[in-house]
Protein backbone atom coordinates (compact mmCIF):
# COMPACT_ATOMS: atom_id res chain seq x y z
CA MET A 1 -6.27 93.09 61.15
CA SER A 2 -9.07 95.60 59.03
CA THR A 3 -11.89 94.77 57.50
CA ILE A 4 -12.63 96.54 54.54
CA ASN A 5 -15.73 96.81 52.75
CA ILE A 6 -15.85 97.54 48.98
CA ARG A 7 -18.48 97.76 46.71
CA VAL A 8 -17.10 96.24 43.19
CA ASN A 9 -19.55 94.61 40.00
CA GLU A 10 -20.61 91.28 40.68
CA GLN A 11 -19.02 90.74 37.55
CA VAL A 12 -15.65 91.46 38.16
CA LYS A 13 -14.95 90.19 41.58
CA SER A 14 -15.79 87.16 39.87
CA ASP A 15 -13.08 87.82 36.79
CA ALA A 16 -10.52 88.63 38.99
CA LYS A 17 -11.08 85.99 41.94
CA LYS A 18 -10.35 82.73 38.36
CA LEU A 19 -6.99 85.18 37.60
CA PHE A 20 -6.36 85.49 41.70
CA ALA A 21 -6.53 81.79 41.54
CA LYS A 22 -4.63 81.09 38.32
CA PHE A 23 -1.95 82.39 40.72
CA GLY A 24 -3.00 80.85 43.40
CA LEU A 25 -4.06 84.00 45.57
CA ASP A 26 -7.36 83.95 46.85
CA LEU A 27 -9.11 88.07 47.00
CA SER A 28 -8.08 88.89 50.38
CA THR A 29 -4.25 88.28 49.69
CA ALA A 30 -4.52 90.28 46.08
CA ILE A 31 -6.01 93.72 47.52
CA ASN A 32 -3.73 93.23 50.17
CA MET A 33 -0.32 92.31 48.08
CA PHE A 34 -1.51 95.51 45.56
CA LEU A 35 -2.08 97.12 49.20
CA ILE A 36 1.77 97.13 51.04
CA GLN A 37 3.52 97.24 47.25
CA SER A 38 1.43 101.04 46.20
CA ILE A 39 2.81 102.21 50.01
CA ARG A 40 6.78 100.85 49.45
CA GLU A 41 5.70 102.34 45.89
CA GLN A 42 4.12 105.50 46.52
CA GLY A 43 2.71 104.43 43.48
CA ILE A 44 -0.13 101.24 41.37
CA PRO A 45 3.10 99.54 41.78
CA PHE A 46 3.51 96.28 39.62
CA ASP A 47 2.15 95.26 36.53
CA LEU A 48 0.40 91.63 37.44
CA HIS A 49 -1.20 89.52 34.10
CA LEU A 50 -1.17 86.21 32.43
CA HIS A 51 0.82 86.32 28.55
CA VAL A 52 -2.41 84.51 27.17
CA PRO A 53 -1.07 84.00 23.13
CA ASN A 54 -2.94 85.50 20.24
CA GLU A 55 -4.35 82.88 18.36
CA ILE A 56 -2.65 81.90 15.91
CA THR A 57 0.07 80.66 18.11
CA SER A 58 -2.69 78.76 20.18
CA LYS A 59 -2.99 77.00 17.68
CA SER A 60 1.11 76.47 16.65
CA ILE A 61 1.10 75.02 20.14
CA GLU A 62 -1.79 73.33 20.18
CA ASP A 63 -0.80 71.88 16.27
CA THR A 64 3.36 70.79 17.53
CA GLU A 65 1.20 68.94 21.00
CA LYS A 66 -0.37 66.87 18.47
CA GLY A 67 3.00 66.77 16.12
CA ILE A 68 0.58 67.64 13.44
CA ASN A 69 1.94 70.46 10.96
CA LEU A 70 5.29 69.56 11.80
CA SER A 71 7.90 70.09 9.45
CA GLU A 72 10.79 67.87 8.21
CA THR A 73 13.92 66.81 11.68
CA PHE A 74 17.86 66.73 9.74
CA GLU A 75 19.70 64.10 10.78
CA SER A 76 23.12 67.54 10.48
CA ILE A 77 23.25 71.26 10.14
CA ASP A 78 24.22 69.46 6.58
CA ASP A 79 21.53 68.00 5.94
CA LEU A 80 19.46 70.32 7.07
CA MET A 81 21.56 73.10 4.30
CA GLU A 82 20.95 70.81 1.99
CA ASP A 83 17.44 70.36 1.84
CA LEU A 84 17.08 74.24 2.42
CA HIS A 85 19.12 74.96 -0.74
CA ALA A 86 17.41 72.13 -2.90
């Protein structure tokens, strides 16, 4: 095992630690993953990100979880079609 010392902005380090924690990784493991995959790919290896919904989608998810602003439910396709054509 070998040690690498790198300098990073304190905010970058903090933000990276928080992000990687969401994937169950510590900073050292995430950096090792990056290095190993870089060697395998012989380049920058991957795009790893969280899919964070935009404000409108977040509001819709919140409303759905609270059971508000939902459309009417129907017992059958015929009932739905009848409502659509009304």
